[in-house]
Amino acid sequence: MRYRLTFVAGLALGYVLGTRAGRERYEQLKKSFREVAQNPAVRNTVESAAQQGRDVAGKAFHSVSEKVGDRMPDSVAERVRSLRERGQGDAEDDWGTSNT
């Protein structure tokens, strides 16, 4: 209940401040965000963090699959195999890349 009240209070505060600030402030914040997002240092940091996340996820996947082994139901094992095969291609995903 406490979290729900906090959320509602934050929502109300955001609405009030947003309506007072108006469209001009919104555009100013949007422009600032774009400038930060297009900064090469920020982009490199995001890309390296995404790559580290993919590496850790891959290690975790192999560690879990070794421990779980044959105890996994066939339907789940087949789904994991299909996801793994789909992800084995040479094409990179758009996450963490500077293609935008």
Protein backbone atom coordinates (compact mmCIF):
# COMPACT_ATOMS: atom_id res chain seq x y z
CA MET A 1 0.00 0.00 0.00
CA ARG A 2 2.84 2.37 0.85
CA TYR A 3 4.41 1.89 -2.57
CA ARG A 4 1.11 2.47 -4.30
CA LEU A 5 0.65 5.76 -2.45
CA THR A 6 4.20 6.81 -3.28
CA PHE A 7 3.60 6.00 -6.94
CA VAL A 8 0.34 7.95 -7.05
CA ALA A 9 1.94 10.92 -5.28
CA GLY A 10 4.85 10.88 -7.75
CA LEU A 11 2.47 10.65 -10.66
CA ALA A 12 0.44 13.61 -9.39
CA LEU A 13 3.57 15.66 -8.72
CA GLY A 14 4.93 14.88 -12.18
CA TYR A 15 1.65 15.88 -13.77
CA VAL A 16 1.48 19.18 -11.90
CA LEU A 17 5.10 20.08 -12.62
CA GLY A 18 4.73 18.98 -16.22
CA THR A 19 1.69 21.12 -16.84
CA ARG A 20 3.32 24.13 -15.20
CA ALA A 21 6.52 23.77 -17.18
CA GLY A 22 4.66 23.45 -20.44
CA ARG A 23 5.75 22.47 -23.89
CA GLU A 24 8.78 24.77 -23.97
CA ARG A 25 10.44 23.03 -21.03
CA TYR A 26 9.59 19.64 -22.53
CA GLU A 27 11.32 20.58 -25.78
CA GLN A 28 14.32 21.88 -23.85
CA LEU A 29 14.64 18.61 -21.90
CA LYS A 30 14.26 16.60 -25.10
CA LYS A 31 17.03 18.60 -26.80
CA SER A 32 19.33 18.11 -23.80
CA PHE A 33 18.69 14.38 -23.81
CA ARG A 34 19.51 14.14 -27.51
CA GLU A 35 22.77 16.04 -27.00
CA VAL A 36 23.81 13.70 -24.20
CA ALA A 37 22.74 10.61 -26.15
CA GLN A 38 24.74 11.68 -29.20
CA ASN A 39 27.91 12.32 -27.21
CA PRO A 40 30.57 9.83 -28.41
CA ALA A 41 31.75 9.11 -24.85
CA VAL A 42 28.23 8.24 -23.77
CA ARG A 43 27.68 6.06 -26.84
CA ASN A 44 30.93 4.17 -26.25
CA THR A 45 30.02 3.59 -22.62
CA VAL A 46 26.58 2.30 -23.57
CA GLU A 47 28.02 0.01 -26.22
CA SER A 48 30.64 -1.43 -23.86
CA ALA A 49 28.03 -1.96 -21.13
CA ALA A 50 25.76 -3.74 -23.61
CA GLN A 51 28.64 -5.96 -24.76
CA GLN A 52 29.54 -6.81 -21.15
CA GLY A 53 25.89 -7.64 -20.50
CA ARG A 54 25.82 -10.00 -23.48
CA ASP A 55 29.05 -11.65 -22.32
CA VAL A 56 27.77 -12.15 -18.77
CA ALA A 57 24.45 -13.47 -20.05
CA GLY A 58 26.27 -15.96 -22.27
CA LYS A 59 28.43 -17.18 -19.37
CA ALA A 60 25.38 -17.46 -17.13
CA PHE A 61 23.53 -19.41 -19.81
CA HIS A 62 26.37 -21.93 -20.15
CA SER A 63 26.76 -22.25 -16.39
CA VAL A 64 23.06 -22.86 -15.83
CA SER A 65 22.71 -25.24 -18.77
CA GLU A 66 25.62 -27.34 -17.43
CA LYS A 67 24.03 -27.57 -13.98
CA VAL A 68 20.48 -28.16 -15.15
CA GLY A 69 21.43 -30.61 -17.88
CA ASP A 70 18.83 -33.29 -18.60
CA ARG A 71 16.52 -32.29 -15.77
CA MET A 72 14.88 -29.71 -18.02
CA PRO A 73 11.57 -30.69 -19.67
CA ASP A 74 11.82 -31.43 -23.39
CA SER A 75 9.56 -28.52 -24.35
CA VAL A 76 11.80 -26.04 -22.52
CA ALA A 77 14.98 -27.62 -23.89
CA GLU A 78 13.64 -27.37 -27.44
CA ARG A 79 12.72 -23.71 -26.94
CA VAL A 80 16.19 -22.91 -25.61
CA ARG A 81 17.80 -24.72 -28.55
CA SER A 82 15.71 -22.76 -31.03
CA LEU A 83 16.56 -19.47 -29.36
CA ARG A 84 20.24 -20.36 -29.29
CA GLU A 85 20.23 -21.28 -32.99
CA ARG A 86 18.41 -18.10 -33.89
CA GLY A 87 21.01 -16.06 -32.03
CA GLN A 88 24.01 -17.80 -33.66
CA GLY A 89 23.86 -15.83 -36.91
CA ASP A 90 26.47 -13.32 -38.02
CA ALA A 91 24.02 -10.42 -37.94
CA GLU A 92 24.32 -8.26 -34.88
CA ASP A 93 21.33 -6.92 -33.06
CA ASP A 94 20.58 -3.21 -32.74
CA TRP A 95 21.09 -3.16 -28.97
CA GLY A 96 24.08 -1.11 -27.96
CA THR A 97 25.15 -0.24 -31.47
CA SER A 98 25.50 3.22 -32.91
CA ASN A 99 23.41 2.56 -36.01
CA THR A 100 20.94 5.27 -35.11
